[in-house]
PDB file of N, CA and C in Angstrom:
ATOM      1  N   UNK A   1       0.763  -1.229  -0.085  1.00  0.00           N
ATOM      2  CA  UNK A   1      -0.015   0.247   0.069  1.00  0.00           C
ATOM      3  C   UNK A   1       0.945   1.155   0.073  1.00  0.00           C
ATOM      4  N   UNK A   2       1.804   1.433   0.891  1.00  0.00           N
ATOM      5  CA  UNK A   2       2.570   2.440   0.891  1.00  0.00           C
ATOM      6  C   UNK A   2       3.599   2.585  -0.443  1.00  0.00           C
ATOM      7  N   UNK A   3       4.035   1.412  -0.846  1.00  0.00           N
ATOM      8  CA  UNK A   3       4.699   1.406  -2.027  1.00  0.00           C
ATOM      9  C   UNK A   3       3.899   1.940  -3.318  1.00  0.00           C
ATOM     10  N   UNK A   4       2.693   1.535  -3.201  1.00  0.00           N
ATOM     11  CA  UNK A   4       1.737   1.930  -4.324  1.00  0.00           C
ATOM     12  C   UNK A   4       1.684   3.600  -4.289  1.00  0.00           C
ATOM     13  N   UNK A   5       1.615   4.208  -3.101  1.00  0.00           N
ATOM     14  CA  UNK A   5       1.418   5.813  -2.998  1.00  0.00           C
ATOM     15  C   UNK A   5       2.880   6.405  -3.467  1.00  0.00           C
ATOM     16  N   UNK A   6       3.842   5.643  -3.238  1.00  0.00           N
ATOM     17  CA  UNK A   6       5.218   6.331  -3.418  1.00  0.00           C
ATOM     18  C   UNK A   6       5.161   6.176  -5.228  1.00  0.00           C
ATOM     19  N   UNK A   7       4.753   5.245  -5.786  1.00  0.00           N
ATOM     20  CA  UNK A   7       5.053   5.105  -7.243  1.00  0.00           C
ATOM     21  C   UNK A   7       3.888   5.908  -7.853  1.00  0.00           C
ATOM     22  N   UNK A   8       2.684   5.962  -7.268  1.00  0.00           N
ATOM     23  CA  UNK A   8       1.506   6.576  -7.763  1.00  0.00           C
ATOM     24  C   UNK A   8       1.490   8.073  -7.475  1.00  0.00           C
ATOM     25  N   UNK A   9       2.234   8.521  -6.515  1.00  0.00           N
ATOM     26  CA  UNK A   9       2.244  10.073  -6.111  1.00  0.00           C
ATOM     27  C   UNK A   9       2.468  10.876  -7.279  1.00  0.00           C
ATOM     28  N   UNK A  10       3.342  10.607  -8.168  1.00  0.00           N
ATOM     29  CA  UNK A  10       3.552  11.399  -9.355  1.00  0.00           C
ATOM     30  C   UNK A  10       2.590  11.313 -10.665  1.00  0.00           C
ATOM     31  N   UNK A  11       1.452  10.505 -10.315  1.00  0.00           N
ATOM     32  CA  UNK A  11       0.534  10.213 -11.281  1.00  0.00           C
ATOM     33  C   UNK A  11      -0.768  11.079 -10.807  1.00  0.00           C
ATOM     34  N   UNK A  12      -1.755  11.430 -11.898  1.00  0.00           N
ATOM     35  CA  UNK A  12      -2.922  12.156 -11.771  1.00  0.00           C
ATOM     36  C   UNK A  12      -3.907  11.549 -12.751  1.00  0.00           C
ATOM     37  N   UNK A  13      -5.135  11.878 -12.540  1.00  0.00           N
ATOM     38  CA  UNK A  13      -6.213  11.434 -13.508  1.00  0.00           C
ATOM     39  C   UNK A  13      -6.557  12.619 -14.113  1.00  0.00           C
ATOM     40  N   UNK A  14      -6.663  12.303 -15.422  1.00  0.00           N
ATOM     41  CA  UNK A  14      -7.194  13.214 -16.477  1.00  0.00           C
ATOM     42  C   UNK A  14      -8.720  13.250 -16.391  1.00  0.00           C
ATOM     43  N   UNK A  15      -9.498  14.099 -17.013  1.00  0.00           N
ATOM     44  CA  UNK A  15     -11.014  14.262 -16.993  1.00  0.00           C
ATOM     45  C   UNK A  15     -11.543  12.872 -17.517  1.00  0.00           C
ATOM     46  N   UNK A  16     -10.901  12.122 -18.338  1.00  0.00           N
ATOM     47  CA  UNK A  16     -11.488  10.969 -18.755  1.00  0.00           C
ATOM     48  C   UNK A  16     -11.341   9.734 -17.889  1.00  0.00           C
ATOM     49  N   UNK A  17     -10.642  10.060 -16.762  1.00  0.00           N
ATOM     50  CA  UNK A  17     -10.333   8.970 -15.855  1.00  0.00           C
ATOM     51  C   UNK A  17      -9.007   8.119 -15.882  1.00  0.00           C
ATOM     52  N   UNK A  18      -8.439   8.545 -16.947  1.00  0.00           N
ATOM     53  CA  UNK A  18      -7.092   7.887 -17.233  1.00  0.00           C
ATOM     54  C   UNK A  18      -6.023   8.370 -16.507  1.00  0.00           C
ATOM     55  N   UNK A  19      -4.951   7.622 -15.859  1.00  0.00           N
ATOM     56  CA  UNK A  19      -3.879   7.989 -15.220  1.00  0.00           C
ATOM     57  C   UNK A  19      -2.793   8.694 -16.127  1.00  0.00           C
ATOM     58  N   UNK A  20      -2.279   9.975 -15.845  1.00  0.00           N
ATOM     59  CA  UNK A  20      -1.229  10.722 -16.378  1.00  0.00           C
ATOM     60  C   UNK A  20      -0.188  10.377 -15.542  1.00  0.00           C
ATOM     61  N   UNK A  21       0.945  10.400 -16.214  1.00  0.00           N
ATOM     62  CA  UNK A  21       2.368  10.475 -15.387  1.00  0.00           C
ATOM     63  C   UNK A  21       2.777  11.909 -15.715  1.00  0.00           C
ATOM     64  N   UNK A  22       3.130  12.544 -14.488  1.00  0.00           N
ATOM     65  CA  UNK A  22       3.705  13.892 -14.580  1.00  0.00           C
ATOM     66  C   UNK A  22       5.016  13.658 -15.215  1.00  0.00           C
ATOM     67  N   UNK A  23       5.481  14.383 -16.337  1.00  0.00           N
ATOM     68  CA  UNK A  23       6.600  14.046 -16.953  1.00  0.00           C
ATOM     69  C   UNK A  23       7.745  15.338 -16.859  1.00  0.00           C
ATOM     70  N   UNK A  24       7.323  16.163 -15.933  1.00  0.00           N
ATOM     71  CA  UNK A  24       8.498  17.212 -15.770  1.00  0.00           C
ATOM     72  C   UNK A  24       8.779  17.427 -14.351  1.00  0.00           C
ATOM     73  N   UNK A  25      10.112  17.848 -14.301  1.00  0.00           N
ATOM     74  CA  UNK A  25      10.595  18.055 -12.866  1.00  0.00           C
ATOM     75  C   UNK A  25      10.451  19.606 -12.469  1.00  0.00           C
ATOM     76  N   UNK A  26      10.446  20.023 -11.227  1.00  0.00           N
ATOM     77  CA  UNK A  26      10.488  21.296 -10.947  1.00  0.00           C
ATOM     78  C   UNK A  26      11.961  21.785 -10.868  1.00  0.00           C
ATOM     79  N   UNK A  27      12.237  22.954 -11.188  1.00  0.00           N
ATOM     80  CA  UNK A  27      13.595  23.386 -11.103  1.00  0.00           C
ATOM     81  C   UNK A  27      14.347  23.167 -10.110  1.00  0.00           C
ATOM     82  N   UNK A  28      13.731  23.283  -8.740  1.00  0.00           N
ATOM     83  CA  UNK A  28      14.522  22.931  -7.449  1.00  0.00           C
ATOM     84  C   UNK A  28      15.052  21.518  -7.432  1.00  0.00           C
ATOM     85  N   UNK A  29      14.224  20.525  -7.930  1.00  0.00           N
ATOM     86  CA  UNK A  29      14.762  19.173  -8.005  1.00  0.00           C
ATOM     87  C   UNK A  29      16.007  19.137  -9.059  1.00  0.00           C
ATOM     88  N   UNK A  30      15.966  19.768 -10.228  1.00  0.00           N
ATOM     89  CA  UNK A  30      17.128  19.883 -10.954  1.00  0.00           C
ATOM     90  C   UNK A  30      18.313  20.478 -10.243  1.00  0.00           C
ATOM     91  N   UNK A  31      17.971  21.426  -9.397  1.00  0.00           N
ATOM     92  CA  UNK A  31      19.102  22.144  -8.708  1.00  0.00           C
ATOM     93  C   UNK A  31      19.835  21.156  -7.549  1.00  0.00           C
ATOM     94  N   UNK A  32      19.043  20.568  -6.987  1.00  0.00           N
ATOM     95  CA  UNK A  32      19.570  19.610  -5.863  1.00  0.00           C
ATOM     96  C   UNK A  32      20.090  18.340  -6.560  1.00  0.00           C
ATOM     97  N   UNK A  33      19.683  17.881  -7.588  1.00  0.00           N
ATOM     98  CA  UNK A  33      20.294  16.747  -8.491  1.00  0.00           C
ATOM     99  C   UNK A  33      21.605  17.414  -8.916  1.00  0.00           C
ATOM    100  N   UNK A  34      21.813  18.529  -9.384  1.00  0.00           N
ATOM    101  CA  UNK A  34      22.987  19.236  -9.900  1.00  0.00           C
ATOM    102  C   UNK A  34      23.960  19.322  -8.834  1.00  0.00           C
ATOM    103  N   UNK A  35      23.619  19.590  -7.823  1.00  0.00           N
ATOM    104  CA  UNK A  35      24.751  19.869  -6.676  1.00  0.00           C
ATOM    105  C   UNK A  35      25.147  18.455  -6.066  1.00  0.00           C
ATOM    106  N   UNK A  36      24.156  17.420  -5.942  1.00  0.00           N
ATOM    107  CA  UNK A  36      24.571  16.278  -5.579  1.00  0.00           C
ATOM    108  C   UNK A  36      25.545  15.504  -6.654  1.00  0.00           C
ATOM    109  N   UNK A  37      25.297  15.685  -7.928  1.00  0.00           N
ATOM    110  CA  UNK A  37      26.206  15.121  -8.826  1.00  0.00           C
ATOM    111  C   UNK A  37      27.562  15.713  -9.063  1.00  0.00           C
ATOM    112  N   UNK A  38      27.280  17.167  -8.851  1.00  0.00           N
ATOM    113  CA  UNK A  38      28.671  17.877  -8.875  1.00  0.00           C
ATOM    114  C   UNK A  38      29.720  17.547  -7.791  1.00  0.00           C
ATOM    115  N   UNK A  39      28.913  17.399  -6.438  1.00  0.00           N
ATOM    116  CA  UNK A  39      30.013  16.944  -5.351  1.00  0.00           C
ATOM    117  C   UNK A  39      30.678  15.629  -5.851  1.00  0.00           C
ATOM    118  N   UNK A  40      30.175  14.611  -6.138  1.00  0.00           N
ATOM    119  CA  UNK A  40      30.763  13.611  -6.672  1.00  0.00           C
ATOM    120  C   UNK A  40      31.563  13.740  -7.711  1.00  0.00           C
ATOM    121  N   UNK A  41      31.344  14.436  -8.796  1.00  0.00           N
ATOM    122  CA  UNK A  41      32.142  14.482  -9.931  1.00  0.00           C
ATOM    123  C   UNK A  41      33.377  15.519  -9.538  1.00  0.00           C
ATOM    124  N   UNK A  42      33.242  16.163  -8.736  1.00  0.00           N
ATOM    125  CA  UNK A  42      34.255  17.178  -8.429  1.00  0.00           C
ATOM    126  C   UNK A  42      35.262  16.471  -7.572  1.00  0.00           C
ATOM    127  N   UNK A  43      34.820  15.706  -6.594  1.00  0.00           N
ATOM    128  CA  UNK A  43      35.696  14.889  -5.841  1.00  0.00           C
ATOM    129  C   UNK A  43      36.551  13.927  -6.741  1.00  0.00           C
ATOM    130  N   UNK A  44      35.982  13.409  -7.615  1.00  0.00           N
ATOM    131  CA  UNK A  44      36.702  12.557  -8.606  1.00  0.00           C
ATOM    132  C   UNK A  44      37.847  13.263  -9.319  1.00  0.00           C
ATOM    133  N   UNK A  45      37.438  14.626  -9.920  1.00  0.00           N
ATOM    134  CA  UNK A  45      38.183  15.290 -10.531  1.00  0.00           C
ATOM    135  C   UNK A  45      39.628  15.857  -9.613  1.00  0.00           C
ATOM    136  N   UNK A  46      39.240  15.947  -8.367  1.00  0.00           N
ATOM    137  CA  UNK A  46      40.376  16.419  -7.591  1.00  0.00           C
ATOM    138  C   UNK A  46      41.345  15.443  -7.185  1.00  0.00           C
ATOM    139  N   UNK A  47      40.781  14.097  -6.986  1.00  0.00           N
ATOM    140  CA  UNK A  47      41.681  12.942  -6.730  1.00  0.00           C
ATOM    141  C   UNK A  47      42.684  12.648  -8.127  1.00  0.00           C
ATOM    142  N   UNK A  48      41.875  12.743  -9.334  1.00  0.00           N
ATOM    143  CA  UNK A  48      42.654  12.336 -10.538  1.00  0.00           C
ATOM    144  C   UNK A  48      43.756  13.408 -10.782  1.00  0.00           C
ATOM    145  N   UNK A  49      43.287  14.725 -10.560  1.00  0.00           N
ATOM    146  CA  UNK A  49      44.296  15.811 -10.576  1.00  0.00           C
ATOM    147  C   UNK A  49      45.472  15.621  -9.829  1.00  0.00           C
ATOM    148  N   UNK A  50      45.080  15.274  -8.609  1.00  0.00           N
ATOM    149  CA  UNK A  50      46.077  15.038  -7.518  1.00  0.00           C
ATOM    150  C   UNK A  50      47.056  13.825  -7.885  1.00  0.00           C
ATOM    151  N   UNK A  51      46.495  12.913  -8.476  1.00  0.00           N
ATOM    152  CA  UNK A  51      47.274  11.642  -8.905  1.00  0.00           C
ATOM    153  C   UNK A  51      48.204  11.955  -9.968  1.00  0.00           C
ATOM    154  N   UNK A  52      47.789  12.965 -10.800  1.00  0.00           N
ATOM    155  CA  UNK A  52      48.566  13.159 -12.115  1.00  0.00           C
ATOM    156  C   UNK A  52      49.674  14.195 -11.688  1.00  0.00           C
ATOM    157  N   UNK A  53      49.087  15.337 -11.011  1.00  0.00           N
ATOM    158  CA  UNK A  53      50.080  16.383 -10.752  1.00  0.00           C
ATOM    159  C   UNK A  53      50.882  16.405  -9.590  1.00  0.00           C
ATOM    160  N   UNK A  54      50.356  15.591  -8.560  1.00  0.00           N
ATOM    161  CA  UNK A  54      51.148  15.322  -7.502  1.00  0.00           C
ATOM    162  C   UNK A  54      51.240  16.459  -6.485  1.00  0.00           C
ATOM    163  N   UNK A  55      50.266  17.539  -6.801  1.00  0.00           N
ATOM    164  CA  UNK A  55      50.219  18.796  -5.959  1.00  0.00           C
ATOM    165  C   UNK A  55      48.629  18.833  -5.610  1.00  0.00           C
ATOM    166  N   UNK A  56      48.512  18.770  -4.366  1.00  0.00           N
ATOM    167  CA  UNK A  56      46.999  18.907  -3.800  1.00  0.00           C
ATOM    168  C   UNK A  56      46.395  20.267  -3.963  1.00  0.00           C
ATOM    169  N   UNK A  57      47.328  21.414  -3.956  1.00  0.00           N
ATOM    170  CA  UNK A  57      46.768  22.930  -4.082  1.00  0.00           C
ATOM    171  C   UNK A  57      46.458  22.912  -5.593  1.00  0.00           C
ATOM    172  N   UNK A  58      47.044  22.316  -6.403  1.00  0.00           N
ATOM    173  CA  UNK A  58      46.635  22.447  -7.898  1.00  0.00           C
ATOM    174  C   UNK A  58      45.438  21.784  -8.121  1.00  0.00           C
ATOM    175  N   UNK A  59      45.351  20.474  -7.608  1.00  0.00           N
ATOM    176  CA  UNK A  59      44.002  19.480  -7.618  1.00  0.00           C
ATOM    177  C   UNK A  59      42.950  20.463  -7.075  1.00  0.00           C
ATOM    178  N   UNK A  60      43.067  20.946  -5.837  1.00  0.00           N
ATOM    179  CA  UNK A  60      41.907  21.703  -5.499  1.00  0.00           C
ATOM    180  C   UNK A  60      41.575  22.874  -6.499  1.00  0.00           C
ATOM    181  N   UNK A  61      42.484  23.567  -6.872  1.00  0.00           N
ATOM    182  CA  UNK A  61      42.298  24.674  -7.909  1.00  0.00           C
ATOM    183  C   UNK A  61      41.320  24.190  -9.073  1.00  0.00           C
ATOM    184  N   UNK A  62      41.917  23.016  -9.610  1.00  0.00           N
ATOM    185  CA  UNK A  62      41.088  22.589 -10.793  1.00  0.00           C
ATOM    186  C   UNK A  62      39.756  22.059 -10.584  1.00  0.00           C
ATOM    187  N   UNK A  63      39.593  21.457  -9.345  1.00  0.00           N
ATOM    188  CA  UNK A  63      38.321  20.933  -8.950  1.00  0.00           C
ATOM    189  C   UNK A  63      37.223  21.996  -8.568  1.00  0.00           C
ATOM    190  N   UNK A  64      37.742  23.256  -8.101  1.00  0.00           N
ATOM    191  CA  UNK A  64      36.982  24.284  -7.807  1.00  0.00           C
ATOM    192  C   UNK A  64      36.418  24.947  -9.163  1.00  0.00           C
ATOM    193  N   UNK A  65      37.147  25.187  -9.979  1.00  0.00           N
ATOM    194  CA  UNK A  65      36.732  25.968 -11.276  1.00  0.00           C
ATOM    195  C   UNK A  65      35.854  24.727 -12.034  1.00  0.00           C
ATOM    196  N   UNK A  66      36.135  23.435 -12.035  1.00  0.00           N
ATOM    197  CA  UNK A  66      35.351  22.524 -12.623  1.00  0.00           C
ATOM    198  C   UNK A  66      33.919  22.434 -12.087  1.00  0.00           C
ATOM    199  N   UNK A  67      33.996  22.486 -10.700  1.00  0.00           N
ATOM    200  CA  UNK A  67      32.673  22.625  -9.787  1.00  0.00           C
ATOM    201  C   UNK A  67      31.680  23.515 -10.406  1.00  0.00           C
ATOM    202  N   UNK A  68      32.195  24.674 -10.355  1.00  0.00           N
ATOM    203  CA  UNK A  68      30.964  25.883 -10.852  1.00  0.00           C
ATOM    204  C   UNK A  68      30.695  25.626 -12.190  1.00  0.00           C
ATOM    205  N   UNK A  69      31.732  25.448 -13.311  1.00  0.00           N
ATOM    206  CA  UNK A  69      31.564  25.496 -14.653  1.00  0.00           C
ATOM    207  C   UNK A  69      30.402  24.282 -15.065  1.00  0.00           C
ATOM    208  N   UNK A  70      30.689  23.248 -14.487  1.00  0.00           N
ATOM    209  CA  UNK A  70      30.035  21.814 -14.839  1.00  0.00           C
ATOM    210  C   UNK A  70      28.501  22.003 -14.235  1.00  0.00           C
ATOM    211  N   UNK A  71      28.396  22.479 -12.998  1.00  0.00           N
ATOM    212  CA  UNK A  71      27.196  22.663 -12.237  1.00  0.00           C
ATOM    213  C   UNK A  71      26.248  23.380 -13.095  1.00  0.00           C
ATOM    214  N   UNK A  72      26.737  24.720 -13.682  1.00  0.00           N
ATOM    215  CA  UNK A  72      25.851  25.565 -14.459  1.00  0.00           C
ATOM    216  C   UNK A  72      25.425  24.654 -15.922  1.00  0.00           C
ATOM    217  N   UNK A  73      26.478  24.169 -16.441  1.00  0.00           N
ATOM    218  CA  UNK A  73      26.217  23.563 -17.688  1.00  0.00           C
ATOM    219  C   UNK A  73      25.160  22.145 -17.510  1.00  0.00           C
ATOM    220  N   UNK A  74      25.154  21.467 -16.361  1.00  0.00           N
ATOM    221  CA  UNK A  74      24.373  20.443 -16.160  1.00  0.00           C
ATOM    222  C   UNK A  74      22.998  20.913 -15.859  1.00  0.00           C
ATOM    223  N   UNK A  75      22.899  21.938 -15.017  1.00  0.00           N
ATOM    224  CA  UNK A  75      21.383  22.575 -15.031  1.00  0.00           C
ATOM    225  C   UNK A  75      20.948  22.856 -16.338  1.00  0.00           C
ATOM    226  N   UNK A  76      21.460  23.466 -17.103  1.00  0.00           N
ATOM    227  CA  UNK A  76      20.854  23.899 -18.240  1.00  0.00           C
ATOM    228  C   UNK A  76      20.635  22.716 -19.171  1.00  0.00           C
ATOM    229  N   UNK A  77      21.506  21.635 -19.026  1.00  0.00           N
ATOM    230  CA  UNK A  77      21.237  20.402 -19.954  1.00  0.00           C
ATOM    231  C   UNK A  77      20.076  19.720 -19.395  1.00  0.00           C
ATOM    232  N   UNK A  78      19.938  19.727 -17.963  1.00  0.00           N
ATOM    233  CA  UNK A  78      18.811  18.986 -17.460  1.00  0.00           C
ATOM    234  C   UNK A  78      17.480  19.488 -17.864  1.00  0.00           C
ATOM    235  N   UNK A  79      17.450  20.997 -17.558  1.00  0.00           N
ATOM    236  CA  UNK A  79      16.222  21.706 -18.119  1.00  0.00           C
ATOM    237  C   UNK A  79      15.819  21.713 -19.622  1.00  0.00           C
ATOM    238  N   UNK A  80      16.852  21.519 -20.463  1.00  0.00           N
ATOM    239  CA  UNK A  80      16.436  21.315 -21.837  1.00  0.00           C
ATOM    240  C   UNK A  80      15.917  20.082 -22.111  1.00  0.00           C
ATOM    241  N   UNK A  81      16.411  18.858 -21.585  1.00  0.00           N
ATOM    242  CA  UNK A  81      16.052  17.609 -21.643  1.00  0.00           C
ATOM    243  C   UNK A  81      14.647  17.360 -21.048  1.00  0.00           C
ATOM    244  N   UNK A  82      14.434  18.180 -19.952  1.00  0.00           N
ATOM    245  CA  UNK A  82      13.005  17.974 -19.499  1.00  0.00           C
ATOM    246  C   UNK A  82      12.006  18.609 -20.364  1.00  0.00           C
ATOM    247  N   UNK A  83      12.193  19.427 -21.274  1.00  0.00           N
ATOM    248  CA  UNK A  83      11.300  19.817 -22.292  1.00  0.00           C
ATOM    249  C   UNK A  83      11.210  19.011 -23.573  1.00  0.00           C
ATOM    250  N   UNK A  84      12.196  17.932 -23.579  1.00  0.00           N
ATOM    251  CA  UNK A  84      12.110  17.112 -24.989  1.00  0.00           C
ATOM    252  C   UNK A  84      11.057  15.895 -24.455  1.00  0.00           C
ATOM    253  N   UNK A  85      10.190  15.569 -25.260  1.00  0.00           N
ATOM    254  CA  UNK A  85       9.018  14.647 -25.040  1.00  0.00           C
ATOM    255  C   UNK A  85       9.459  13.366 -25.433  1.00  0.00           C
ATOM    256  N   UNK A  86      10.578  13.049 -26.288  1.00  0.00           N
ATOM    257  CA  UNK A  86      10.914  11.895 -26.667  1.00  0.00           C
ATOM    258  C   UNK A  86      11.493  11.083 -25.483  1.00  0.00           C
ATOM    259  N   UNK A  87      10.727   9.788 -25.464  1.00  0.00           N
ATOM    260  CA  UNK A  87      11.181   8.773 -24.583  1.00  0.00           C
ATOM    261  C   UNK A  87      10.434   8.821 -23.208  1.00  0.00           C
ATOM    262  N   UNK A  88       9.579   9.708 -23.081  1.00  0.00           N
ATOM    263  CA  UNK A  88       8.747   9.891 -21.781  1.00  0.00           C
ATOM    264  C   UNK A  88       7.398   9.082 -21.889  1.00  0.00           C
TER     265      UNK A  88
END
């Protein structure tokens, strides 16, 4: 019963009684997904940069620049894909 509510919570009935699945995300969800993914990606970049250069300061510098640029790019990428109906 609880699992049904979790899976049905993003569905609603239209006027004809059929169940429609909401196919778009709110911007705040995209923002939170962006941040969580970037934390993982940035840690990966810092470790790889540190292993290649041997300098933690340089690795942190590369990671901090990458954190900001890729977060912005991912957010807009996610919002554009949210507008595409293909595959929904």
